[in-house]
Structure formats: structure tokens, C-alpha cells
């Protein structure tokens, strides 16, 4: 089955937001739901039994290549998850060094105070949670394009493109040295970060894109806010919008 082209990839991104975003309504639109399933089927591309790269004990594994499945319950769950984010701790979100905050929505412990301040801010909202288990399709068959350079001295061990989510492309990967990396392509520029496995386990891999650098913005996003991509333990990349991390 042919892979989707660029126009269909953009169509798929819209359908995914209708299915998994906070205002999910695709369950009431059988035509759109059928189209989503059709495009997800196209993204399978390779045999569903293709083995994934073996995981290592010291860092995140690449996304699994499982067959996508449609579950109406997932729409309800993800829509319900689009809540104002909070913090479980006796400290304010902008905590000092050594303070561990626990995100109320995900249960993830975050040791980086700047990232914790963004993720747990009462003004930050969840737009989309991208599962890395293959249920958004087989990322390998997205239209071919050169991979970005990782912001790390170690070469890439693996690199996966997740698609367009208000940015040109979103990538995750891992270096030969074991560092987890997240890269956002923005036309001629990129923003990215690579971190050690221990920091990844502490919920500290976030790339934030300021309002001014986005050509496409979520509804309601205001100047002074950033679009954040948070690859967190548990096999998901959360797309968030909220006050710029660290006030910058």
C-alpha cells in the first residue's frame, strides 16, 4: 500500500487531533473516522511483524512497530485528559534546586525546576499526547526527508520522525552514547535537546518553541507562551502550551 504524501500527512495530523485532542469529536463523524483509519492503514507500510530495535537497559527504546488500532474509548480517555495540569507536592511549581515535583496528571517525577515549572503550571494545557506504541501508524513510511543533526557529539543510534504537530517535523532518537534526543524542525532552523538516561527517567526532556517562531499555532495560544514537546517516561510525547519555560 502506498505511503501518504505531504498533503495527506497534513490531513492525517488534523484527523488525529480530532480523534485524540482535547476537543475530540471524530466519534460523531463516521466519514472522518473511516478516513483516519484509511490513512493510518497506509502508514503501516511495512509488515506489522517487523522487529523493533532491541531496547537497552540504560535508556528509552525506539517506538514499537505495532499495527495501529482504533479504539473509541481512547478518544474519550484523551479528551478527558485535556485538563489544566497540576502538581502533587508541598512546593510551588518554580521550586529550587534539589526539589522533586510530581506532575499530577502523569505521575512523573520531575527534578528540573524549569521543566517542572512549565509542565505543572496551572496555565499550561495539554493539546495532544502522542503514544509511541505504533497506534498513530508506522512512522517509517512518512514521506522521505533527510534526518536532522542531533544536538550531541555522539552519532544517532536510531531516529524516528513522529510527524507534524504545529511544527514542520518532530523527531525523537537516541545516540550511540545512550542519550535520548528530541528535535523540532522549524523550516530552516531546529530546536533540540539530548539528555542522559538518568535525566530522562526524571522527566527532563522538553523542547519548547516560543510563540514567535511558530508559523502554525494552536487555537488560543498567546504571545509570551511556548509550545512544548515533552518526551516523558511511559512512552509518550505530550504536546503542551503554556507560559514560556523560565519566563524566557
Protein backbone atom coordinates (compact mmCIF):
# COMPACT_ATOMS: atom_id res chain seq x y z
CA UNK A 1 0.00 0.00 0.00
CA UNK A 2 1.35 3.44 -0.98
CA UNK A 3 2.67 5.75 1.69
CA UNK A 4 0.85 9.03 2.28
CA UNK A 5 2.09 12.17 0.57
CA UNK A 6 2.68 15.54 2.24
CA UNK A 7 -0.91 16.74 1.78
CA UNK A 8 -2.29 13.51 3.23
CA UNK A 9 0.15 13.74 6.13
CA UNK A 10 -1.26 17.18 6.98
CA UNK A 11 -4.79 15.77 6.63
CA UNK A 12 -3.84 12.93 8.96
CA UNK A 13 -2.49 15.37 11.57
CA UNK A 14 -5.84 17.19 11.57
CA UNK A 15 -7.77 13.93 11.89
CA UNK A 16 -5.53 12.78 14.74
CA UNK A 17 -6.23 16.00 16.63
CA UNK A 18 -9.96 15.39 16.10
CA UNK A 19 -9.52 11.87 17.44
CA UNK A 20 -7.08 12.34 20.31
CA UNK A 21 -7.09 16.04 21.14
CA UNK A 22 -8.97 17.81 23.93
CA UNK A 23 -11.90 18.68 21.64
CA UNK A 24 -12.18 15.18 20.15
CA UNK A 25 -15.30 14.88 18.02
CA UNK A 26 -14.42 12.26 15.43
CA UNK A 27 -16.59 9.63 17.10
CA UNK A 28 -19.65 11.52 15.81
CA UNK A 29 -18.29 11.74 12.25
CA UNK A 30 -18.15 8.27 10.63
CA UNK A 31 -16.74 9.65 7.37
CA UNK A 32 -13.80 11.31 9.14
CA UNK A 33 -13.29 8.22 11.30
CA UNK A 34 -13.16 6.00 8.20
CA UNK A 35 -10.67 8.38 6.59
CA UNK A 36 -8.47 8.31 9.69
CA UNK A 37 -8.44 4.52 9.64
CA UNK A 38 -7.62 4.54 5.92
CA UNK A 39 -4.66 6.88 6.34
CA UNK A 40 -3.39 5.01 9.40
CA UNK A 41 -3.53 1.82 7.32
CA UNK A 42 -1.39 3.49 4.66
CA UNK A 43 1.17 4.43 7.26
CA UNK A 44 1.68 0.82 8.24
CA UNK A 45 3.75 0.31 5.12
CA UNK A 46 5.99 -2.47 6.23
CA UNK A 47 4.94 -5.83 7.56
CA UNK A 48 3.45 -5.42 11.03
CA UNK A 49 5.70 -8.22 12.22
CA UNK A 50 8.87 -6.24 11.57
CA UNK A 51 11.01 -6.49 14.72
CA UNK A 52 11.79 -3.32 16.59
CA UNK A 53 15.33 -2.45 17.61
CA UNK A 54 16.18 -4.21 20.88
CA UNK A 55 15.87 -1.98 23.95
CA UNK A 56 18.83 -1.25 26.18
CA UNK A 57 18.64 -1.13 29.92
CA UNK A 58 20.14 2.37 30.15
CA UNK A 59 17.76 4.44 28.07
CA UNK A 60 14.50 4.74 26.14
CA UNK A 61 13.87 2.24 23.36
CA UNK A 62 12.67 3.22 19.88
CA UNK A 63 8.91 3.22 19.29
CA UNK A 64 7.41 -0.23 18.71
CA UNK A 65 6.10 -1.10 15.24
CA UNK A 66 2.74 -2.47 16.17
CA UNK A 67 -0.32 -2.40 13.95
CA UNK A 68 -2.50 0.64 14.62
CA UNK A 69 -5.89 0.01 16.17
CA UNK A 70 -8.98 2.18 16.51
CA UNK A 71 -10.47 2.35 19.97
CA UNK A 72 -13.38 4.70 20.65
CA UNK A 73 -12.50 4.54 24.32
CA UNK A 74 -9.16 6.16 23.52
CA UNK A 75 -10.97 9.22 22.21
CA UNK A 76 -12.90 9.56 25.45
CA UNK A 77 -9.79 8.98 27.56
CA UNK A 78 -7.65 11.50 25.68
CA UNK A 79 -10.42 14.09 25.63
CA UNK A 80 -10.84 13.72 29.37
CA UNK A 81 -7.07 14.09 29.79
CA UNK A 82 -7.14 17.60 28.30
CA UNK A 83 -7.23 19.25 31.72
CA UNK A 84 -5.30 22.01 33.36
CA UNK A 85 -2.08 20.43 34.59
CA UNK A 86 -1.17 20.44 38.27
CA UNK A 87 1.48 19.42 40.74
CA UNK A 88 1.44 16.97 43.63
CA UNK A 89 3.88 18.37 46.14
CA UNK A 90 4.05 20.78 49.00
CA UNK A 91 6.11 23.20 46.94
CA UNK A 92 5.39 25.80 44.29
CA UNK A 93 5.99 24.87 40.61
CA UNK A 94 9.14 27.03 40.38
CA UNK A 95 10.96 25.08 43.03
CA UNK A 96 14.62 25.42 43.86
CA UNK A 97 17.49 23.02 43.32
CA UNK A 98 17.03 19.53 44.70
CA UNK A 99 13.24 19.72 44.95
CA UNK A 100 11.41 16.91 43.17
CA UNK A 101 7.95 17.69 41.85
CA UNK A 102 5.40 15.11 40.73
CA UNK A 103 3.12 16.00 37.84
CA UNK A 104 -0.46 15.34 38.95
CA UNK A 105 -1.67 14.25 35.51
CA UNK A 106 1.07 11.77 34.63
CA UNK A 107 2.63 10.88 37.98
CA UNK A 108 6.08 11.63 36.52
CA UNK A 109 8.73 12.90 38.96
CA UNK A 110 10.50 15.98 37.55
CA UNK A 111 13.78 17.17 39.02
CA UNK A 112 14.50 20.04 36.60
CA UNK A 113 12.83 23.11 38.14
CA UNK A 114 12.39 24.96 34.83
CA UNK A 115 10.74 21.97 33.13
CA UNK A 116 8.65 21.27 36.22
CA UNK A 117 7.50 24.89 36.25
CA UNK A 118 6.29 24.62 32.65
CA UNK A 119 4.70 21.18 32.85
CA UNK A 120 2.93 21.69 36.17
CA UNK A 121 1.90 25.31 35.73
CA UNK A 122 -1.86 25.86 36.19
CA UNK A 123 -1.69 27.90 32.96
CA UNK A 124 -0.23 25.05 30.88
CA UNK A 125 -2.67 22.88 28.96
CA UNK A 126 -2.35 19.58 27.18
CA UNK A 127 -3.08 19.66 23.43
CA UNK A 128 -2.18 16.12 22.45
CA UNK A 129 -0.47 13.03 23.85
CA UNK A 130 1.35 11.06 21.17
CA UNK A 131 1.72 7.35 22.00
CA UNK A 132 4.96 5.70 20.89
CA UNK A 133 3.48 2.18 20.63
CA UNK A 134 2.60 2.45 16.95
CA UNK A 135 -1.08 3.31 17.43
CA UNK A 136 -0.55 6.50 15.41
CA UNK A 137 0.74 4.43 12.50
CA UNK A 138 4.13 3.25 11.28
CA UNK A 139 6.31 6.32 11.30
CA UNK A 140 8.86 4.77 8.91
CA UNK A 141 6.60 5.29 5.88
CA UNK A 142 6.13 9.02 6.25
CA UNK A 143 7.35 10.78 3.08
CA UNK A 144 11.13 10.54 2.93
CA UNK A 145 13.19 13.52 4.08
CA UNK A 146 16.71 14.00 5.47
CA UNK A 147 17.12 13.42 9.17
CA UNK A 148 18.24 16.40 11.26
CA UNK A 149 21.55 16.56 13.07
CA UNK A 150 21.27 15.70 16.75
CA UNK A 151 22.48 18.33 19.22
CA UNK A 152 25.04 15.91 20.61
CA UNK A 153 28.62 14.87 19.89
CA UNK A 154 27.61 11.20 19.71
CA UNK A 155 26.07 9.88 16.43
CA UNK A 156 22.50 8.64 16.27
CA UNK A 157 21.78 5.01 17.13
CA UNK A 158 18.18 5.37 15.98
CA UNK A 159 15.97 8.25 14.91
CA UNK A 160 12.20 8.33 14.32
CA UNK A 161 10.03 11.03 12.80
CA UNK A 162 6.68 11.42 14.50
CA UNK A 163 5.13 13.87 12.05
CA UNK A 164 3.89 17.46 12.06
CA UNK A 165 2.31 18.84 15.21
CA UNK A 166 2.16 22.64 14.74
CA UNK A 167 5.81 22.43 13.58
CA UNK A 168 7.39 21.21 10.37
CA UNK A 169 8.54 17.89 11.84
CA UNK A 170 9.02 16.29 15.24
CA UNK A 171 11.79 13.72 15.79
CA UNK A 172 12.91 11.53 18.68
CA UNK A 173 16.03 9.43 18.85
CA UNK A 174 18.88 8.07 20.83
CA UNK A 175 22.64 8.46 20.43
CA UNK A 176 25.26 5.75 20.48
CA UNK A 177 26.24 7.08 23.91
CA UNK A 178 22.72 6.33 25.16
CA UNK A 179 21.39 9.88 25.34
CA UNK A 180 17.73 10.48 24.50
CA UNK A 181 17.13 13.27 21.97
CA UNK A 182 14.13 15.30 20.86
CA UNK A 183 14.39 17.59 17.81
CA UNK A 184 11.84 20.02 16.37
CA UNK A 185 12.24 21.24 12.79
CA UNK A 186 11.06 24.80 12.10
CA UNK A 187 11.70 25.49 8.44
CA UNK A 188 15.39 26.36 8.12
CA UNK A 189 16.06 26.08 11.84
CA UNK A 190 15.76 23.40 14.51
CA UNK A 191 15.39 23.26 18.26
CA UNK A 192 16.53 20.18 20.11
CA UNK A 193 17.96 18.65 23.23
CA UNK A 194 19.71 15.43 24.23
CA UNK A 195 19.90 14.20 27.82
CA UNK A 196 21.39 11.33 29.80
CA UNK A 197 19.19 8.29 30.62
CA UNK A 198 19.03 9.23 34.31
CA UNK A 199 17.71 12.69 33.43
CA UNK A 200 15.19 11.15 31.03
CA UNK A 201 13.89 8.98 33.85
CA UNK A 202 13.45 12.17 35.88
CA UNK A 203 11.12 13.63 33.24
CA UNK A 204 13.62 16.17 32.00
CA UNK A 205 13.41 16.02 28.18
CA UNK A 206 11.46 19.05 26.98
CA UNK A 207 11.88 21.20 23.88
CA UNK A 208 9.90 24.46 23.93
CA UNK A 209 9.21 26.63 20.89
CA UNK A 210 8.28 30.29 21.51
CA UNK A 211 5.12 31.79 20.03
CA UNK A 212 7.09 34.00 17.61
CA UNK A 213 8.87 31.02 15.99
CA UNK A 214 5.69 29.16 15.04
CA UNK A 215 4.04 29.59 11.64
CA UNK A 216 1.08 27.47 12.81
CA UNK A 217 -0.20 28.00 16.33
CA UNK A 218 -2.76 26.19 18.47
CA UNK A 219 -6.06 27.99 18.97
CA UNK A 220 -5.87 30.34 21.91
CA UNK A 221 -2.07 30.46 22.09
CA UNK A 222 -0.89 33.91 23.16
CA UNK A 223 2.35 35.88 22.81
CA UNK A 224 4.60 35.02 25.72
CA UNK A 225 3.59 31.36 25.60
CA UNK A 226 5.55 28.42 24.22
CA UNK A 227 4.63 25.17 22.54
CA UNK A 228 6.33 22.38 24.47
CA UNK A 229 7.15 18.83 23.39
CA UNK A 230 7.72 16.67 26.46
CA UNK A 231 9.04 13.15 25.85
CA UNK A 232 8.29 11.55 29.15
CA UNK A 233 8.73 8.13 30.76
CA UNK A 234 5.81 5.91 29.88
CA UNK A 235 6.24 6.00 26.12
CA UNK A 236 4.54 9.26 25.14
CA UNK A 237 5.36 12.69 23.80
CA UNK A 238 2.98 15.28 25.23
CA UNK A 239 2.30 18.46 23.25
CA UNK A 240 1.67 21.32 25.68
CA UNK A 241 1.15 25.06 25.50
CA UNK A 242 1.82 27.39 28.39
CA UNK A 243 3.98 30.22 29.77
CA UNK A 244 7.48 30.20 28.32
CA UNK A 245 9.75 27.95 30.47
CA UNK A 246 11.83 30.02 32.85
CA UNK A 247 10.00 33.14 31.72
CA UNK A 248 12.12 33.32 28.55
